[in-house]
Protein backbone atom coordinates (compact mmCIF):
# COMPACT_ATOMS: atom_id res chain seq x y z
CA MET A 1 84.06 51.84 -31.52
CA ASN A 2 84.35 47.89 -30.57
CA HIS A 3 87.26 47.02 -29.48
CA THR A 4 86.38 43.88 -28.91
CA PRO A 5 89.08 41.36 -31.27
CA ASP A 6 87.35 39.95 -34.49
CA HIS A 7 88.44 36.54 -33.73
CA VAL A 8 86.58 37.02 -29.80
CA ARG A 9 83.38 38.90 -31.00
CA ARG A 10 83.08 35.96 -33.79
CA LEU A 11 82.15 33.28 -31.63
CA ALA A 12 80.27 35.82 -29.28
CA GLY A 13 76.10 33.27 -28.42
CA LYS A 14 77.51 30.98 -30.83
CA ARG A 15 75.60 27.08 -28.58
CA VAL A 16 78.23 24.76 -28.32
CA LEU A 17 78.40 21.23 -26.84
CA VAL A 18 82.12 20.38 -25.26
CA THR A 19 82.05 16.58 -24.88
CA ALA A 20 84.15 15.05 -21.09
CA GLY A 21 83.93 18.84 -20.62
CA GLY A 22 84.33 18.52 -16.95
CA GLN A 23 87.89 18.53 -16.35
CA GLY A 24 91.43 18.29 -18.40
CA LEU A 25 91.09 19.60 -21.67
CA GLY A 26 87.62 19.65 -22.14
CA ALA A 27 87.15 22.09 -19.41
CA ALA A 28 90.44 24.23 -20.25
CA ILE A 29 88.33 24.31 -24.05
CA VAL A 30 85.08 25.88 -22.73
CA HIS A 31 86.78 28.43 -20.03
CA GLU A 32 88.53 29.51 -23.24
CA LEU A 33 84.88 29.13 -25.07
CA VAL A 34 83.10 31.55 -22.28
CA GLU A 35 85.67 34.15 -22.33
CA ARG A 36 84.57 34.52 -26.27
CA GLY A 37 80.93 34.52 -25.60
CA CYS A 38 79.83 31.01 -26.18
CA ASP A 39 76.67 29.47 -24.37
CA VAL A 40 77.73 25.83 -23.59
CA ALA A 41 76.82 22.63 -22.49
CA VAL A 42 78.51 19.69 -21.45
CA THR A 43 78.79 16.56 -21.02
CA TYR A 44 80.85 14.29 -18.29
CA ARG A 45 80.58 11.06 -16.98
CA ASN A 46 82.22 10.40 -13.38
CA SER A 47 83.59 14.66 -13.10
CA ALA A 48 80.23 16.07 -11.34
CA ALA A 49 82.51 18.28 -9.40
CA GLY A 50 84.72 19.49 -12.26
CA ALA A 51 81.16 20.03 -14.44
CA GLU A 52 79.50 21.91 -11.99
CA ALA A 53 83.05 24.12 -11.76
CA VAL A 54 82.81 25.00 -15.33
CA VAL A 55 78.91 25.84 -14.67
CA ALA A 56 79.31 27.51 -12.40
CA HIS A 57 81.91 30.05 -14.29
CA ALA A 58 80.12 29.67 -17.28
CA THR A 59 77.40 31.62 -15.37
CA ALA A 60 79.66 34.24 -13.69
CA ALA A 61 81.04 35.45 -16.63
CA GLY A 62 77.17 35.88 -17.76
CA ARG A 63 76.52 33.41 -20.78
CA ARG A 64 73.78 30.63 -20.51
CA ALA A 65 75.76 27.39 -19.59
CA VAL A 66 75.02 23.00 -18.30
CA ALA A 67 75.88 20.13 -17.37
CA VAL A 68 74.56 17.07 -18.46
CA GLN A 69 75.56 12.93 -16.74
CA ALA A 70 75.79 10.41 -19.48
CA ASP A 71 77.58 7.37 -20.98
CA LEU A 72 78.56 8.40 -24.12
CA THR A 73 79.70 4.10 -25.42
CA MET A 74 75.51 4.15 -24.82
CA ARG A 75 73.49 5.38 -27.65
CA ALA A 76 70.43 6.14 -25.36
CA GLU A 77 72.56 8.01 -22.99
CA ALA A 78 74.67 10.08 -25.70
CA GLU A 79 71.53 10.46 -27.68
CA HIS A 80 69.41 12.21 -24.39
CA CYS A 81 72.16 14.40 -23.66
CA VAL A 82 72.35 16.16 -27.24
CA ASP A 83 69.26 16.70 -26.32
CA GLN A 84 68.99 17.84 -23.32
CA ALA A 85 71.48 20.65 -24.58
CA VAL A 86 70.08 21.20 -27.61
CA GLU A 87 67.06 22.18 -25.93
CA ALA A 88 69.18 24.22 -22.82
CA LEU A 89 70.62 26.07 -25.12
CA GLY A 90 68.04 26.67 -27.55
CA GLY A 91 69.79 25.26 -30.44
CA LEU A 92 73.74 24.37 -31.34
CA ASP A 93 75.82 25.95 -33.38
CA ILE A 94 79.81 24.26 -32.41
CA LEU A 95 79.47 21.04 -31.66
CA VAL A 96 83.09 19.73 -29.72
CA ASN A 97 83.50 16.24 -29.17
CA ASN A 98 86.44 15.34 -27.02
CA ALA A 99 85.51 12.84 -25.28
CA GLY A 100 87.87 10.03 -25.98
CA ASP A 101 90.93 7.69 -24.11
CA LEU A 102 94.15 5.48 -24.09
CA VAL A 103 91.82 3.21 -21.92
CA ALA A 104 95.79 1.28 -21.46
CA ARG A 105 98.22 0.56 -22.79
CA ARG A 106 98.69 -3.29 -23.84
CA ARG A 107 101.19 -4.53 -27.06
CA LEU A 108 99.56 -6.75 -29.72
CA GLY A 109 99.55 -9.55 -27.51
CA GLU A 110 98.19 -7.72 -24.92
CA ILE A 111 94.74 -7.28 -26.65
CA ASP A 112 91.52 -9.65 -25.44
CA GLU A 113 87.80 -8.72 -26.92
CA GLU A 114 86.78 -6.39 -23.58
CA PHE A 115 89.52 -3.67 -24.30
CA LEU A 116 89.13 -3.28 -27.53
CA ARG A 117 85.59 -3.24 -27.77
CA ALA A 118 86.03 -0.85 -24.94
CA SER A 119 88.74 1.64 -27.42
CA LEU A 120 86.54 1.39 -30.07
CA ALA A 121 83.21 2.45 -27.92
CA ILE A 122 84.64 5.43 -26.47
CA ASN A 123 87.13 6.55 -29.17
CA LEU A 124 85.16 6.27 -31.94
CA GLU A 125 81.01 4.93 -31.35
CA SER A 126 80.76 8.07 -28.60
CA LEU A 127 81.48 10.05 -30.98
CA VAL A 128 79.35 8.96 -34.12
CA TRP A 129 76.07 9.00 -31.82
CA VAL A 130 76.61 12.41 -30.14
CA THR A 131 77.59 13.78 -34.21
CA GLN A 132 74.73 12.15 -35.80
CA ARG A 133 72.36 13.22 -32.85
CA ALA A 134 73.41 16.61 -33.15
CA LEU A 135 73.36 16.98 -36.81
CA PRO A 136 69.33 18.17 -36.80
CA ALA A 137 70.40 20.70 -35.03
CA LEU A 138 73.57 21.87 -36.31
CA THR A 139 71.72 22.04 -39.44
CA ALA A 140 69.03 24.42 -38.23
CA ALA A 141 71.50 26.10 -37.99
CA ALA A 142 74.32 26.57 -40.42
CA PRO A 143 76.66 28.05 -41.41
CA SER A 144 77.50 25.41 -37.95
CA ALA A 145 80.67 23.73 -36.90
CA ILE A 146 82.37 20.54 -35.70
CA VAL A 147 85.65 19.93 -34.28
CA ASN A 148 86.88 16.72 -33.13
CA LEU A 149 90.22 16.35 -31.27
CA ALA A 150 91.98 13.32 -32.28
CA SER A 151 96.08 13.07 -31.51
CA LEU A 152 99.75 13.32 -32.56
CA ALA A 153 99.21 8.94 -32.15
CA GLY A 154 96.52 8.83 -34.86
CA ARG A 155 99.57 10.18 -37.64
CA LYS A 156 102.12 9.00 -35.82
CA GLY A 157 101.20 5.58 -34.05
CA GLY A 158 102.29 6.63 -30.81
CA HIS A 159 104.18 5.45 -27.82
CA GLY A 160 104.31 1.34 -26.80
CA GLY A 161 101.09 -0.24 -25.88
CA SER A 162 99.00 2.82 -27.80
CA LEU A 163 98.08 0.53 -30.37
CA VAL A 164 94.45 0.75 -30.30
CA TYR A 165 94.40 4.13 -29.33
CA SER A 166 96.57 5.51 -32.14
CA THR A 167 94.08 3.25 -34.88
CA THR A 168 90.77 5.23 -33.49
CA LYS A 169 92.78 8.53 -33.30
CA GLY A 170 93.54 8.10 -37.03
CA ALA A 171 89.92 6.81 -37.56
CA VAL A 172 88.76 9.98 -36.20
CA ILE A 173 91.04 11.74 -38.59
CA THR A 174 89.03 10.01 -41.04
CA TRP A 175 86.32 10.48 -40.07
CA THR A 176 87.07 14.30 -40.28
CA ARG A 177 87.17 14.75 -43.57
CA ALA A 178 84.46 11.77 -44.96
CA LEU A 179 81.95 13.67 -42.61
CA ALA A 180 83.40 17.48 -43.90
CA ALA A 181 82.91 16.02 -47.57
CA GLU A 182 78.84 14.70 -46.35
CA LEU A 183 78.56 17.66 -44.49
CA GLY A 184 79.19 20.21 -46.41
CA PRO A 185 76.48 21.04 -48.42
CA ARG A 186 74.31 20.84 -45.38
CA GLY A 187 76.35 24.20 -44.29
CA VAL A 188 78.40 22.26 -41.14
CA ARG A 189 82.45 22.55 -41.52
CA VAL A 190 83.78 19.75 -39.76
CA ASN A 191 87.35 19.85 -38.69
CA CYS A 192 90.21 18.10 -35.94
CA LEU A 193 92.47 18.93 -33.85
CA ALA A 194 95.70 16.59 -33.42
CA PRO A 195 97.26 17.33 -29.72
CA GLY A 196 100.78 16.39 -29.42
CA LEU A 197 102.04 16.44 -25.34
CA ILE A 198 100.25 18.11 -23.19
CA LEU A 199 100.41 18.22 -19.71
CA GLY A 200 99.13 18.90 -17.74
CA SER A 201 95.87 16.59 -18.79
CA SER A 202 94.22 13.72 -16.51
CA PHE A 203 95.10 11.86 -19.64
CA HIS A 204 99.15 12.11 -19.65
CA ALA A 205 99.19 11.76 -15.75
CA THR A 206 97.70 9.02 -15.96
CA HIS A 207 99.20 6.87 -18.79
CA THR A 208 103.14 8.73 -19.48
CA THR A 209 105.21 8.81 -16.82
CA ALA A 210 108.04 11.67 -15.47
CA GLU A 211 110.60 10.11 -17.75
CA SER A 212 108.20 8.94 -20.93
CA ALA A 213 107.30 13.42 -20.98
CA ALA A 214 111.18 14.22 -20.46
CA ALA A 215 111.99 11.93 -23.31
CA THR A 216 109.43 13.93 -25.21
CA VAL A 217 110.39 17.35 -24.07
CA ALA A 218 113.81 17.27 -25.68
CA GLY A 219 112.63 16.38 -28.79
CA ILE A 220 109.88 19.15 -29.26
CA PRO A 221 111.50 22.09 -31.82
CA LEU A 222 109.82 24.37 -29.18
CA GLY A 223 111.76 22.79 -26.49
CA ARG A 224 108.49 22.76 -24.08
CA ALA A 225 105.38 20.93 -23.78
CA GLY A 226 102.19 21.83 -24.64
CA ALA A 227 99.69 22.90 -21.92
CA PRO A 228 95.22 22.65 -22.15
CA GLU A 229 95.57 26.24 -23.09
CA ASP A 230 97.00 25.51 -26.45
CA VAL A 231 94.25 23.28 -27.42
CA ALA A 232 91.58 25.40 -25.84
CA ARG A 233 92.73 28.49 -28.74
CA ALA A 234 92.99 26.10 -31.41
CA VAL A 235 89.93 24.76 -30.61
CA ALA A 236 88.62 27.94 -30.32
CA TYR A 237 90.54 28.65 -33.65
CA LEU A 238 88.00 25.67 -35.40
CA ALA A 239 85.11 26.56 -33.99
CA SER A 240 84.63 29.54 -35.13
CA GLU A 241 85.02 28.92 -38.34
CA TYR A 242 82.17 27.92 -38.98
CA ASP A 243 81.35 30.31 -41.37
CA GLY A 244 84.44 29.80 -43.84
CA PHE A 245 86.60 27.70 -45.83
CA LEU A 246 88.29 25.08 -44.01
CA THR A 247 87.08 22.31 -42.88
CA GLY A 248 88.55 18.20 -43.67
CA ALA A 249 91.31 20.37 -42.39
CA THR A 250 93.35 18.05 -39.38
CA LEU A 251 95.73 20.84 -37.78
CA ASP A 252 98.95 19.62 -35.94
CA LEU A 253 99.53 21.23 -32.48
CA ASN A 254 103.08 20.08 -31.65
CA GLY A 255 105.24 22.25 -30.89
CA GLY A 256 106.87 20.37 -34.50
CA VAL A 257 107.76 16.97 -33.80
CA TYR A 258 105.41 16.28 -36.87
CA CYS A 259 104.31 18.20 -38.92
CA ALA A 260 102.72 16.55 -42.62
């Protein structure tokens, strides 16, 4: 008798591409998927050591794994890295669009063209280029799934200085709904995750002060911040719905501070 839980067994053997999978939330997502039996490809821009460590962990667990360096804001590089991932894994069942960044905190009067373009490129354009290139492989493997990473900021508007970031993450939520309608007939389900305060991630280590984090935690009904592992489990759940009825949805992961 197989005693492996069904929610774990359902992902066994699935081929997954995780963007920005060499550090922080991406690395936690990869580790969770590997533990559930997935073969993985990860993209990274600068975190070569982290990406190599993720691949080593997956290989040690008996899974196929590859890391591909790319600047996903550049269309040609994004397309090339997807091609490499598909070739290495022999196809693609699940795409996790994790790459994104606040870039910097700037209020309306501080926004210039360079900052706006950089924010749009990493949070929206990269997602478009990767998803577009991955679509033939996902369609060939249907039923398949896409999981997009948005943010609580895309729901609430975010803290001061995150005007552009919040707008791009709100667009990711809308992109998810629209893409789910477009790809549903082709057997590809598209869902989204909107995390709140996740401590232990490079994002908040860079952009959130200890004082701001403490103030946010004080308003969370569960009384704590999230951890990368919380995000990883939620991504794995949405990924496992490659043949389910759940599509076009955004899962809020914030300890109860915001409920849509």
